[in-house]
Amino acid sequence: ADRMRLRQVLTNLINNALKFTDKGKVEFGYNINSETNEFEFF
């Protein structure tokens, strides 16, 4: 992947998560979807 752009996407999504969360939790990561042969980030 394009390292800079992948970081940009994750950073943007995490920024939003932290901005719109007053308390609780914010978690990010990835899983492997073997059926579609894809990385699935969240």
PDB file of all heavy atoms in Angstrom:
ATOM      1  N   ALA A   1       0.848  -1.192   0.000  1.00  0.00           N
ATOM      2  CA  ALA A   1       0.000   0.000   0.000  1.00  0.00           C
ATOM      3  C   ALA A   1       0.882   1.240   0.000  1.00  0.00           C
ATOM      4  O   ALA A   1       2.086   1.168   0.247  1.00  0.00           O
ATOM      5  CB  ALA A   1      -0.922   0.000   1.215  1.00  0.00           C
ATOM      6  N   ASP A   2       0.270   2.370  -0.281  1.00  0.00           N
ATOM      7  CA  ASP A   2       0.964   3.654  -0.164  1.00  0.00           C
ATOM      8  C   ASP A   2       1.017   3.991   1.320  1.00  0.00           C
ATOM      9  O   ASP A   2      -0.003   4.306   1.938  1.00  0.00           O
ATOM     10  CB  ASP A   2       0.208   4.728  -0.948  1.00  0.00           C
ATOM     11  CG  ASP A   2       0.975   6.048  -1.020  1.00  0.00           C
ATOM     12  OD1 ASP A   2       1.503   6.481   0.012  1.00  0.00           O
ATOM     13  OD2 ASP A   2       1.034   6.642  -2.118  1.00  0.00           O
ATOM     14  N   ARG A   3       2.198   3.910   1.911  1.00  0.00           N
ATOM     15  CA  ARG A   3       2.338   4.056   3.358  1.00  0.00           C
ATOM     16  C   ARG A   3       1.794   5.394   3.855  1.00  0.00           C
ATOM     17  O   ARG A   3       1.074   5.465   4.844  1.00  0.00           O
ATOM     18  CB  ARG A   3       3.814   3.909   3.752  1.00  0.00           C
ATOM     19  CG  ARG A   3       4.030   3.838   5.266  1.00  0.00           C
ATOM     20  CD  ARG A   3       5.515   3.692   5.588  1.00  0.00           C
ATOM     21  NE  ARG A   3       5.708   3.243   6.946  1.00  0.00           N
ATOM     22  CZ  ARG A   3       5.688   4.044   8.009  1.00  0.00           C
ATOM     23  NH1 ARG A   3       5.471   5.330   7.858  1.00  0.00           N
ATOM     24  NH2 ARG A   3       5.880   3.542   9.219  1.00  0.00           N
ATOM     25  N   MET A   4       2.148   6.475   3.148  1.00  0.00           N
ATOM     26  CA  MET A   4       1.714   7.805   3.568  1.00  0.00           C
ATOM     27  C   MET A   4       0.192   7.923   3.512  1.00  0.00           C
ATOM     28  O   MET A   4      -0.438   8.452   4.425  1.00  0.00           O
ATOM     29  CB  MET A   4       2.352   8.865   2.671  1.00  0.00           C
ATOM     30  CG  MET A   4       1.981  10.293   3.049  1.00  0.00           C
ATOM     31  SD  MET A   4       2.601  11.510   1.878  1.00  0.00           S
ATOM     32  CE  MET A   4       1.460  11.271   0.511  1.00  0.00           C
ATOM     33  N   ARG A   5      -0.425   7.387   2.437  1.00  0.00           N
ATOM     34  CA  ARG A   5      -1.872   7.498   2.287  1.00  0.00           C
ATOM     35  C   ARG A   5      -2.613   6.578   3.250  1.00  0.00           C
ATOM     36  O   ARG A   5      -3.683   6.939   3.762  1.00  0.00           O
ATOM     37  CB  ARG A   5      -2.265   7.201   0.840  1.00  0.00           C
ATOM     38  CG  ARG A   5      -1.731   8.211  -0.170  1.00  0.00           C
ATOM     39  CD  ARG A   5      -2.143   9.623   0.171  1.00  0.00           C
ATOM     40  NE  ARG A   5      -1.748  10.590  -0.845  1.00  0.00           N
ATOM     41  CZ  ARG A   5      -2.021  11.885  -0.801  1.00  0.00           C
ATOM     42  NH1 ARG A   5      -2.676  12.369   0.241  1.00  0.00           N
ATOM     43  NH2 ARG A   5      -1.626  12.702  -1.754  1.00  0.00           N
ATOM     44  N   LEU A   6      -2.077   5.395   3.517  1.00  0.00           N
ATOM     45  CA  LEU A   6      -2.689   4.500   4.499  1.00  0.00           C
ATOM     46  C   LEU A   6      -2.661   5.142   5.876  1.00  0.00           C
ATOM     47  O   LEU A   6      -3.645   5.117   6.618  1.00  0.00           O
ATOM     48  CB  LEU A   6      -1.960   3.153   4.515  1.00  0.00           C
ATOM     49  CG  LEU A   6      -2.412   2.131   5.565  1.00  0.00           C
ATOM     50  CD1 LEU A   6      -3.910   1.858   5.457  1.00  0.00           C
ATOM     51  CD2 LEU A   6      -1.615   0.840   5.429  1.00  0.00           C
ATOM     52  N   ARG A   7      -1.542   5.735   6.213  1.00  0.00           N
ATOM     53  CA  ARG A   7      -1.441   6.452   7.494  1.00  0.00           C
ATOM     54  C   ARG A   7      -2.436   7.610   7.533  1.00  0.00           C
ATOM     55  O   ARG A   7      -3.072   7.873   8.552  1.00  0.00           O
ATOM     56  CB  ARG A   7      -0.012   6.972   7.686  1.00  0.00           C
ATOM     57  CG  ARG A   7       0.165   7.754   8.993  1.00  0.00           C
ATOM     58  CD  ARG A   7       1.517   8.434   9.061  1.00  0.00           C
ATOM     59  NE  ARG A   7       1.568   9.324  10.203  1.00  0.00           N
ATOM     60  CZ  ARG A   7       2.066   9.033  11.384  1.00  0.00           C
ATOM     61  NH1 ARG A   7       2.589   7.848  11.569  1.00  0.00           N
ATOM     62  NH2 ARG A   7       2.053   9.895  12.368  1.00  0.00           N
ATOM     63  N   GLN A   8      -2.592   8.323   6.403  1.00  0.00           N
ATOM     64  CA  GLN A   8      -3.517   9.452   6.339  1.00  0.00           C
ATOM     65  C   GLN A   8      -4.952   9.014   6.608  1.00  0.00           C
ATOM     66  O   GLN A   8      -5.685   9.678   7.349  1.00  0.00           O
ATOM     67  CB  GLN A   8      -3.419  10.121   4.961  1.00  0.00           C
ATOM     68  CG  GLN A   8      -4.325  11.336   4.787  1.00  0.00           C
ATOM     69  CD  GLN A   8      -4.179  11.964   3.413  1.00  0.00           C
ATOM     70  OE1 GLN A   8      -3.273  11.640   2.646  1.00  0.00           O
ATOM     71  NE2 GLN A   8      -5.077  12.877   3.081  1.00  0.00           N
ATOM     72  N   VAL A   9      -5.370   7.897   6.010  1.00  0.00           N
ATOM     73  CA  VAL A   9      -6.732   7.404   6.213  1.00  0.00           C
ATOM     74  C   VAL A   9      -6.953   7.026   7.676  1.00  0.00           C
ATOM     75  O   VAL A   9      -7.942   7.441   8.303  1.00  0.00           O
ATOM     76  CB  VAL A   9      -7.022   6.192   5.302  1.00  0.00           C
ATOM     77  CG1 VAL A   9      -8.373   5.567   5.653  1.00  0.00           C
ATOM     78  CG2 VAL A   9      -7.006   6.607   3.831  1.00  0.00           C
ATOM     79  N   LEU A  10      -6.038   6.240   8.233  1.00  0.00           N
ATOM     80  CA  LEU A  10      -6.184   5.819   9.632  1.00  0.00           C
ATOM     81  C   LEU A  10      -6.152   7.018  10.579  1.00  0.00           C
ATOM     82  O   LEU A  10      -6.942   7.096  11.532  1.00  0.00           O
ATOM     83  CB  LEU A  10      -5.070   4.832   9.989  1.00  0.00           C
ATOM     84  CG  LEU A  10      -5.219   3.423   9.411  1.00  0.00           C
ATOM     85  CD1 LEU A  10      -3.917   2.636   9.560  1.00  0.00           C
ATOM     86  CD2 LEU A  10      -6.364   2.673  10.084  1.00  0.00           C
ATOM     87  N   THR A  11      -5.253   7.948  10.330  1.00  0.00           N
ATOM     88  CA  THR A  11      -5.138   9.136  11.183  1.00  0.00           C
ATOM     89  C   THR A  11      -6.426   9.945  11.158  1.00  0.00           C
ATOM     90  O   THR A  11      -6.908  10.423  12.195  1.00  0.00           O
ATOM     91  CB  THR A  11      -3.954  10.003  10.727  1.00  0.00           C
ATOM     92  OG1 THR A  11      -2.737   9.259  10.870  1.00  0.00           O
ATOM     93  CG2 THR A  11      -3.849  11.267  11.567  1.00  0.00           C
ATOM     94  N   ASN A  12      -7.001  10.107   9.966  1.00  0.00           N
ATOM     95  CA  ASN A  12      -8.252  10.867   9.847  1.00  0.00           C
ATOM     96  C   ASN A  12      -9.377  10.197  10.617  1.00  0.00           C
ATOM     97  O   ASN A  12     -10.130  10.846  11.359  1.00  0.00           O
ATOM     98  CB  ASN A  12      -8.628  11.013   8.370  1.00  0.00           C
ATOM     99  CG  ASN A  12      -9.799  11.956   8.162  1.00  0.00           C
ATOM    100  OD1 ASN A  12     -10.924  11.651   8.533  1.00  0.00           O
ATOM    101  ND2 ASN A  12      -9.548  13.101   7.563  1.00  0.00           N
ATOM    102  N   LEU A  13      -9.505   8.874  10.461  1.00  0.00           N
ATOM    103  CA  LEU A  13     -10.577   8.147  11.143  1.00  0.00           C
ATOM    104  C   LEU A  13     -10.394   8.163  12.657  1.00  0.00           C
ATOM    105  O   LEU A  13     -11.369   8.294  13.408  1.00  0.00           O
ATOM    106  CB  LEU A  13     -10.634   6.701  10.636  1.00  0.00           C
ATOM    107  CG  LEU A  13     -10.992   6.516   9.152  1.00  0.00           C
ATOM    108  CD1 LEU A  13     -10.947   5.032   8.783  1.00  0.00           C
ATOM    109  CD2 LEU A  13     -12.361   7.103   8.840  1.00  0.00           C
ATOM    110  N   ILE A  14      -9.144   8.043  13.123  1.00  0.00           N
ATOM    111  CA  ILE A  14      -8.880   8.074  14.568  1.00  0.00           C
ATOM    112  C   ILE A  14      -9.141   9.465  15.127  1.00  0.00           C
ATOM    113  O   ILE A  14      -9.695   9.624  16.219  1.00  0.00           O
ATOM    114  CB  ILE A  14      -7.436   7.613  14.868  1.00  0.00           C
ATOM    115  CG1 ILE A  14      -7.265   6.143  14.479  1.00  0.00           C
ATOM    116  CG2 ILE A  14      -7.108   7.797  16.345  1.00  0.00           C
ATOM    117  CD1 ILE A  14      -5.820   5.672  14.462  1.00  0.00           C
ATOM    118  N   ASN A  15      -8.740  10.496  14.376  1.00  0.00           N
ATOM    119  CA  ASN A  15      -9.036  11.873  14.787  1.00  0.00           C
ATOM    120  C   ASN A  15     -10.523  12.068  15.004  1.00  0.00           C
ATOM    121  O   ASN A  15     -10.955  12.656  16.004  1.00  0.00           O
ATOM    122  CB  ASN A  15      -8.537  12.866  13.719  1.00  0.00           C
ATOM    123  CG  ASN A  15      -7.180  13.457  14.071  1.00  0.00           C
ATOM    124  OD1 ASN A  15      -6.886  13.693  15.240  1.00  0.00           O
ATOM    125  ND2 ASN A  15      -6.359  13.700  13.081  1.00  0.00           N
ATOM    126  N   ASN A  16     -11.325  11.598  14.035  1.00  0.00           N
ATOM    127  CA  ASN A  16     -12.777  11.721  14.152  1.00  0.00           C
ATOM    128  C   ASN A  16     -13.298  10.957  15.368  1.00  0.00           C
ATOM    129  O   ASN A  16     -14.157  11.454  16.106  1.00  0.00           O
ATOM    130  CB  ASN A  16     -13.460  11.190  12.889  1.00  0.00           C
ATOM    131  CG  ASN A  16     -13.424  12.185  11.748  1.00  0.00           C
ATOM    132  OD1 ASN A  16     -13.105  13.356  11.942  1.00  0.00           O
ATOM    133  ND2 ASN A  16     -13.733  11.724  10.558  1.00  0.00           N
ATOM    134  N   ALA A  17     -12.781   9.742  15.565  1.00  0.00           N
ATOM    135  CA  ALA A  17     -13.241   8.921  16.687  1.00  0.00           C
ATOM    136  C   ALA A  17     -12.980   9.625  18.017  1.00  0.00           C
ATOM    137  O   ALA A  17     -13.845   9.667  18.909  1.00  0.00           O
ATOM    138  CB  ALA A  17     -12.558   7.559  16.649  1.00  0.00           C
ATOM    139  N   LEU A  18     -11.790  10.187  18.168  1.00  0.00           N
ATOM    140  CA  LEU A  18     -11.441  10.888  19.411  1.00  0.00           C
ATOM    141  C   LEU A  18     -12.241  12.181  19.557  1.00  0.00           C
ATOM    142  O   LEU A  18     -12.608  12.575  20.670  1.00  0.00           O
ATOM    143  CB  LEU A  18      -9.942  11.185  19.443  1.00  0.00           C
ATOM    144  CG  LEU A  18      -9.017   9.977  19.595  1.00  0.00           C
ATOM    145  CD1 LEU A  18      -7.562  10.390  19.421  1.00  0.00           C
ATOM    146  CD2 LEU A  18      -9.212   9.308  20.952  1.00  0.00           C
ATOM    147  N   LYS A  19     -12.520  12.835  18.428  1.00  0.00           N
ATOM    148  CA  LYS A  19     -13.252  14.107  18.466  1.00  0.00           C
ATOM    149  C   LYS A  19     -14.699  13.910  18.892  1.00  0.00           C
ATOM    150  O   LYS A  19     -15.257  14.718  19.630  1.00  0.00           O
ATOM    151  CB  LYS A  19     -13.185  14.767  17.090  1.00  0.00           C
ATOM    152  CG  LYS A  19     -13.884  16.119  17.009  1.00  0.00           C
ATOM    153  CD  LYS A  19     -13.499  16.885  15.747  1.00  0.00           C
ATOM    154  CE  LYS A  19     -14.007  16.215  14.501  1.00  0.00           C
ATOM    155  NZ  LYS A  19     -13.785  17.069  13.291  1.00  0.00           N
ATOM    156  N   PHE A  20     -15.324  12.807  18.435  1.00  0.00           N
ATOM    157  CA  PHE A  20     -16.744  12.603  18.686  1.00  0.00           C
ATOM    158  C   PHE A  20     -17.021  11.645  19.842  1.00  0.00           C
ATOM    159  O   PHE A  20     -18.140  11.169  19.994  1.00  0.00           O
ATOM    160  CB  PHE A  20     -17.423  12.085  17.417  1.00  0.00           C
ATOM    161  CG  PHE A  20     -17.423  13.081  16.289  1.00  0.00           C
ATOM    162  CD1 PHE A  20     -16.736  12.819  15.119  1.00  0.00           C
ATOM    163  CD2 PHE A  20     -18.087  14.291  16.412  1.00  0.00           C
ATOM    164  CE1 PHE A  20     -16.717  13.742  14.087  1.00  0.00           C
ATOM    165  CE2 PHE A  20     -18.083  15.219  15.386  1.00  0.00           C
ATOM    166  CZ  PHE A  20     -17.400  14.944  14.213  1.00  0.00           C
ATOM    167  N   THR A  21     -15.998  11.353  20.649  1.00  0.00           N
ATOM    168  CA  THR A  21     -16.166  10.465  21.802  1.00  0.00           C
ATOM    169  C   THR A  21     -15.855  11.234  23.084  1.00  0.00           C
ATOM    170  O   THR A  21     -14.734  11.706  23.272  1.00  0.00           O
ATOM    171  CB  THR A  21     -15.245   9.238  21.699  1.00  0.00           C
ATOM    172  OG1 THR A  21     -15.538   8.528  20.495  1.00  0.00           O
ATOM    173  CG2 THR A  21     -15.447   8.309  22.882  1.00  0.00           C
ATOM    174  N   ASP A  22     -16.852  11.374  23.940  1.00  0.00           N
ATOM    175  CA  ASP A  22     -16.651  12.074  25.213  1.00  0.00           C
ATOM    176  C   ASP A  22     -15.975  11.173  26.238  1.00  0.00           C
ATOM    177  O   ASP A  22     -15.090  11.608  26.982  1.00  0.00           O
ATOM    178  CB  ASP A  22     -17.997  12.560  25.765  1.00  0.00           C
ATOM    179  CG  ASP A  22     -18.579  13.692  24.923  1.00  0.00           C
ATOM    180  OD1 ASP A  22     -17.780  14.442  24.333  1.00  0.00           O
ATOM    181  OD2 ASP A  22     -19.808  13.804  24.842  1.00  0.00           O
ATOM    182  N   LYS A  23     -16.396   9.920  26.303  1.00  0.00           N
ATOM    183  CA  LYS A  23     -15.761   8.947  27.187  1.00  0.00           C
ATOM    184  C   LYS A  23     -16.101   7.554  26.702  1.00  0.00           C
ATOM    185  O   LYS A  23     -17.016   7.355  25.907  1.00  0.00           O
ATOM    186  CB  LYS A  23     -16.201   9.143  28.634  1.00  0.00           C
ATOM    187  CG  LYS A  23     -17.670   8.916  28.893  1.00  0.00           C
ATOM    188  CD  LYS A  23     -17.970   9.100  30.371  1.00  0.00           C
ATOM    189  CE  LYS A  23     -19.449   8.858  30.668  1.00  0.00           C
ATOM    190  NZ  LYS A  23     -19.745   9.003  32.126  1.00  0.00           N
ATOM    191  N   GLY A  24     -15.347   6.583  27.159  1.00  0.00           N
ATOM    192  CA  GLY A  24     -15.549   5.204  26.706  1.00  0.00           C
ATOM    193  C   GLY A  24     -14.268   4.642  26.137  1.00  0.00           C
ATOM    194  O   GLY A  24     -13.253   4.569  26.838  1.00  0.00           O
ATOM    195  N   LYS A  25     -14.265   4.298  24.846  1.00  0.00           N
ATOM    196  CA  LYS A  25     -13.051   3.748  24.263  1.00  0.00           C
ATOM    197  C   LYS A  25     -12.971   4.047  22.769  1.00  0.00           C
ATOM    198  O   LYS A  25     -13.975   4.221  22.090  1.00  0.00           O
ATOM    199  CB  LYS A  25     -12.963   2.236  24.490  1.00  0.00           C
ATOM    200  CG  LYS A  25     -13.989   1.417  23.729  1.00  0.00           C
ATOM    201  CD  LYS A  25     -13.746  -0.079  23.949  1.00  0.00           C
ATOM    202  CE  LYS A  25     -14.768  -0.918  23.161  1.00  0.00           C
ATOM    203  NZ  LYS A  25     -14.501  -2.373  23.304  1.00  0.00           N
ATOM    204  N   VAL A  26     -11.748   4.106  22.300  1.00  0.00           N
ATOM    205  CA  VAL A  26     -11.439   4.214  20.870  1.00  0.00           C
ATOM    206  C   VAL A  26     -10.413   3.138  20.570  1.00  0.00           C
ATOM    207  O   VAL A  26      -9.370   3.063  21.223  1.00  0.00           O
ATOM    208  CB  VAL A  26     -10.888   5.607  20.503  1.00  0.00           C
ATOM    209  CG1 VAL A  26     -10.385   5.617  19.061  1.00  0.00           C
ATOM    210  CG2 VAL A  26     -11.954   6.679  20.700  1.00  0.00           C
ATOM    211  N   GLU A  27     -10.719   2.299  19.595  1.00  0.00           N
ATOM    212  CA  GLU A  27      -9.837   1.178  19.273  1.00  0.00           C
ATOM    213  C   GLU A  27      -9.678   1.088  17.762  1.00  0.00           C
ATOM    214  O   GLU A  27     -10.617   1.350  17.012  1.00  0.00           O
ATOM    215  CB  GLU A  27     -10.435  -0.124  19.813  1.00  0.00           C
ATOM    216  CG  GLU A  27      -9.541  -1.343  19.645  1.00  0.00           C
ATOM    217  CD  GLU A  27     -10.160  -2.594  20.261  1.00  0.00           C
ATOM    218  OE1 GLU A  27     -11.396  -2.626  20.427  1.00  0.00           O
ATOM    219  OE2 GLU A  27      -9.414  -3.539  20.560  1.00  0.00           O
ATOM    220  N   PHE A  28      -8.479   0.730  17.314  1.00  0.00           N
ATOM    221  CA  PHE A  28      -8.256   0.536  15.887  1.00  0.00           C
ATOM    222  C   PHE A  28      -7.370  -0.686  15.670  1.00  0.00           C
ATOM    223  O   PHE A  28      -6.717  -1.170  16.593  1.00  0.00           O
ATOM    224  CB  PHE A  28      -7.643   1.788  15.234  1.00  0.00           C
ATOM    225  CG  PHE A  28      -6.261   2.148  15.716  1.00  0.00           C
ATOM    226  CD1 PHE A  28      -5.139   1.840  14.951  1.00  0.00           C
ATOM    227  CD2 PHE A  28      -6.058   2.806  16.923  1.00  0.00           C
ATOM    228  CE1 PHE A  28      -3.865   2.170  15.373  1.00  0.00           C
ATOM    229  CE2 PHE A  28      -4.791   3.144  17.366  1.00  0.00           C
ATOM    230  CZ  PHE A  28      -3.681   2.824  16.580  1.00  0.00           C
ATOM    231  N   GLY A  29      -7.372  -1.191  14.442  1.00  0.00           N
ATOM    232  CA  GLY A  29      -6.590  -2.380  14.145  1.00  0.00           C
ATOM    233  C   GLY A  29      -6.981  -2.965  12.803  1.00  0.00           C
ATOM    234  O   GLY A  29      -7.511  -2.264  11.937  1.00  0.00           O
ATOM    235  N   TYR A  30      -6.740  -4.249  12.645  1.00  0.00           N
ATOM    236  CA  TYR A  30      -7.074  -4.916  11.387  1.00  0.00           C
ATOM    237  C   TYR A  30      -7.322  -6.396  11.635  1.00  0.00           C
ATOM    238  O   TYR A  30      -6.902  -6.967  12.642  1.00  0.00           O
ATOM    239  CB  TYR A  30      -5.946  -4.747  10.361  1.00  0.00           C
ATOM    240  CG  TYR A  30      -4.679  -5.508  10.717  1.00  0.00           C
ATOM    241  CD1 TYR A  30      -4.456  -6.807  10.258  1.00  0.00           C
ATOM    242  CD2 TYR A  30      -3.699  -4.925  11.528  1.00  0.00           C
ATOM    243  CE1 TYR A  30      -3.310  -7.505  10.604  1.00  0.00           C
ATOM    244  CE2 TYR A  30      -2.557  -5.609  11.876  1.00  0.00           C
ATOM    245  CZ  TYR A  30      -2.357  -6.898  11.406  1.00  0.00           C
ATOM    246  OH  TYR A  30      -1.220  -7.592  11.752  1.00  0.00           O
ATOM    247  N   ASN A  31      -8.031  -7.005  10.681  1.00  0.00           N
ATOM    248  CA  ASN A  31      -8.254  -8.453  10.653  1.00  0.00           C
ATOM    249  C   ASN A  31      -7.998  -8.941   9.227  1.00  0.00           C
ATOM    250  O   ASN A  31      -7.901  -8.150   8.291  1.00  0.00           O
ATOM    251  CB  ASN A  31      -9.692  -8.796  11.060  1.00  0.00           C
ATOM    252  CG  ASN A  31      -9.983  -8.429  12.502  1.00  0.00           C
ATOM    253  OD1 ASN A  31      -9.356  -8.935  13.421  1.00  0.00           O
ATOM    254  ND2 ASN A  31     -10.933  -7.532  12.704  1.00  0.00           N
ATOM    255  N   ILE A  32      -7.900 -10.254   9.070  1.00  0.00           N
ATOM    256  CA  ILE A  32      -7.745 -10.852   7.744  1.00  0.00           C
ATOM    257  C   ILE A  32      -9.072 -11.487   7.346  1.00  0.00           C
ATOM    258  O   ILE A  32      -9.603 -12.323   8.066  1.00  0.00           O
ATOM    259  CB  ILE A  32      -6.641 -11.925   7.723  1.00  0.00           C
ATOM    260  CG1 ILE A  32      -5.304 -11.326   8.167  1.00  0.00           C
ATOM    261  CG2 ILE A  32      -6.514 -12.526   6.326  1.00  0.00           C
ATOM    262  CD1 ILE A  32      -4.786 -10.236   7.264  1.00  0.00           C
ATOM    263  N   ASN A  33      -9.603 -11.069   6.200  1.00  0.00           N
ATOM    264  CA  ASN A  33     -10.819 -11.678   5.660  1.00  0.00           C
ATOM    265  C   ASN A  33     -10.386 -12.717   4.628  1.00  0.00           C
ATOM    266  O   ASN A  33     -10.071 -12.378   3.485  1.00  0.00           O
ATOM    267  CB  ASN A  33     -11.717 -10.610   5.021  1.00  0.00           C
ATOM    268  CG  ASN A  33     -13.087 -11.159   4.652  1.00  0.00           C
ATOM    269  OD1 ASN A  33     -13.220 -12.314   4.270  1.00  0.00           O
ATOM    270  ND2 ASN A  33     -14.103 -10.309   4.755  1.00  0.00           N
ATOM    271  N   SER A  34     -10.378 -13.980   5.048  1.00  0.00           N
ATOM    272  CA  SER A  34      -9.881 -15.042   4.172  1.00  0.00           C
ATOM    273  C   SER A  34     -10.808 -15.302   2.988  1.00  0.00           C
ATOM    274  O   SER A  34     -10.379 -15.778   1.937  1.00  0.00           O
ATOM    275  CB  SER A  34      -9.692 -16.338   4.974  1.00  0.00           C
ATOM    276  OG  SER A  34     -10.902 -16.707   5.613  1.00  0.00           O
ATOM    277  N   GLU A  35     -12.096 -14.976   3.135  1.00  0.00           N
ATOM    278  CA  GLU A  35     -13.047 -15.214   2.052  1.00  0.00           C
ATOM    279  C   GLU A  35     -12.805 -14.271   0.872  1.00  0.00           C
ATOM    280  O   GLU A  35     -12.893 -14.670  -0.287  1.00  0.00           O
ATOM    281  CB  GLU A  35     -14.482 -15.051   2.567  1.00  0.00           C
ATOM    282  CG  GLU A  35     -14.888 -16.114   3.575  1.00  0.00           C
ATOM    283  CD  GLU A  35     -16.330 -15.949   4.011  1.00  0.00           C
ATOM    284  OE1 GLU A  35     -17.017 -15.049   3.462  1.00  0.00           O
ATOM    285  OE2 GLU A  35     -16.779 -16.707   4.893  1.00  0.00           O
ATOM    286  N   THR A  36     -12.501 -13.007   1.170  1.00  0.00           N
ATOM    287  CA  THR A  36     -12.285 -12.021   0.106  1.00  0.00           C
ATOM    288  C   THR A  36     -10.801 -11.784  -0.169  1.00  0.00           C
ATOM    289  O   THR A  36     -10.458 -11.014  -1.066  1.00  0.00           O
ATOM    290  CB  THR A  36     -12.948 -10.683   0.477  1.00  0.00           C
ATOM    291  OG1 THR A  36     -12.374 -10.195   1.703  1.00  0.00           O
ATOM    292  CG2 THR A  36     -14.446 -10.850   0.656  1.00  0.00           C
ATOM    293  N   ASN A  37      -9.934 -12.425   0.628  1.00  0.00           N
ATOM    294  CA  ASN A  37      -8.487 -12.249   0.488  1.00  0.00           C
ATOM    295  C   ASN A  37      -8.103 -10.776   0.641  1.00  0.00           C
ATOM    296  O   ASN A  37      -7.410 -10.189  -0.186  1.00  0.00           O
ATOM    297  CB  ASN A  37      -8.009 -12.777  -0.872  1.00  0.00           C
ATOM    298  CG  ASN A  37      -6.505 -13.055  -0.882  1.00  0.00           C
ATOM    299  OD1 ASN A  37      -5.934 -13.480   0.129  1.00  0.00           O
ATOM    300  ND2 ASN A  37      -5.852 -12.799  -2.009  1.00  0.00           N
ATOM    301  N   GLU A  38      -8.578 -10.182   1.756  1.00  0.00           N
ATOM    302  CA  GLU A  38      -8.345  -8.762   2.001  1.00  0.00           C
ATOM    303  C   GLU A  38      -7.943  -8.517   3.456  1.00  0.00           C
ATOM    304  O   GLU A  38      -8.287  -9.279   4.350  1.00  0.00           O
ATOM    305  CB  GLU A  38      -9.610  -7.951   1.716  1.00  0.00           C
ATOM    306  CG  GLU A  38     -10.025  -7.895   0.265  1.00  0.00           C
ATOM    307  CD  GLU A  38     -11.357  -7.187   0.105  1.00  0.00           C
ATOM    308  OE1 GLU A  38     -12.274  -7.462   0.918  1.00  0.00           O
ATOM    309  OE2 GLU A  38     -11.483  -6.382  -0.824  1.00  0.00           O
ATOM    310  N   PHE A  39      -7.191  -7.438   3.654  1.00  0.00           N
ATOM    311  CA  PHE A  39      -7.007  -6.892   4.991  1.00  0.00           C
ATOM    312  C   PHE A  39      -8.237  -6.035   5.279  1.00  0.00           C
ATOM    313  O   PHE A  39      -8.663  -5.245   4.438  1.00  0.00           O
ATOM    314  CB  PHE A  39      -5.759  -6.007   5.072  1.00  0.00           C
ATOM    315  CG  PHE A  39      -4.468  -6.770   5.024  1.00  0.00           C
ATOM    316  CD1 PHE A  39      -3.780  -6.916   3.823  1.00  0.00           C
ATOM    317  CD2 PHE A  39      -3.930  -7.321   6.165  1.00  0.00           C
ATOM    318  CE1 PHE A  39      -2.587  -7.606   3.759  1.00  0.00           C
ATOM    319  CE2 PHE A  39      -2.730  -8.021   6.128  1.00  0.00           C
ATOM    320  CZ  PHE A  39      -2.062  -8.161   4.923  1.00  0.00           C
ATOM    321  N   GLU A  40      -8.802  -6.164   6.472  1.00  0.00           N
ATOM    322  CA  GLU A  40      -9.931  -5.325   6.859  1.00  0.00           C
ATOM    323  C   GLU A  40      -9.534  -4.490   8.072  1.00  0.00           C
ATOM    324  O   GLU A  40      -9.375  -5.001   9.170  1.00  0.00           O
ATOM    325  CB  GLU A  40     -11.161  -6.176   7.177  1.00  0.00           C
ATOM    326  CG  GLU A  40     -12.428  -5.354   7.389  1.00  0.00           C
ATOM    327  CD  GLU A  40     -13.664  -6.215   7.551  1.00  0.00           C
ATOM    328  OE1 GLU A  40     -14.067  -6.859   6.548  1.00  0.00           O
ATOM    329  OE2 GLU A  40     -14.212  -6.256   8.670  1.00  0.00           O
ATOM    330  N   PHE A  41      -9.335  -3.206   7.860  1.00  0.00           N
ATOM    331  CA  PHE A  41      -8.957  -2.284   8.929  1.00  0.00           C
ATOM    332  C   PHE A  41     -10.221  -1.729   9.583  1.00  0.00           C
ATOM    333  O   PHE A  41     -11.280  -1.633   8.941  1.00  0.00           O
ATOM    334  CB  PHE A  41      -8.120  -1.136   8.375  1.00  0.00           C
ATOM    335  CG  PHE A  41      -6.780  -1.555   7.846  1.00  0.00           C
ATOM    336  CD1 PHE A  41      -6.641  -2.042   6.549  1.00  0.00           C
ATOM    337  CD2 PHE A  41      -5.646  -1.468   8.641  1.00  0.00           C
ATOM    338  CE1 PHE A  41      -5.411  -2.438   6.061  1.00  0.00           C
ATOM    339  CE2 PHE A  41      -4.406  -1.856   8.159  1.00  0.00           C
ATOM    340  CZ  PHE A  41      -4.291  -2.341   6.868  1.00  0.00           C
ATOM    341  N   PHE A  42     -10.108  -1.344  10.847  1.00  0.00           N
ATOM    342  CA  PHE A  42     -11.265  -0.767  11.535  1.00  0.00           C
ATOM    343  C   PHE A  42     -10.813   0.302  12.519  1.00  0.00           C
ATOM    344  O   PHE A  42      -9.697   0.266  13.042  1.00  0.00           O
ATOM    345  CB  PHE A  42     -12.059  -1.851  12.276  1.00  0.00           C
ATOM    346  CG  PHE A  42     -11.318  -2.464  13.446  1.00  0.00           C
ATOM    347  CD1 PHE A  42     -11.403  -1.913  14.711  1.00  0.00           C
ATOM    348  CD2 PHE A  42     -10.534  -3.602  13.261  1.00  0.00           C
ATOM    349  CE1 PHE A  42     -10.719  -2.479  15.790  1.00  0.00           C
ATOM    350  CE2 PHE A  42      -9.842  -4.165  14.318  1.00  0.00           C
ATOM    351  CZ  PHE A  42      -9.942  -3.600  15.583  1.00  0.00           C
TER     352      PHE A  42
END
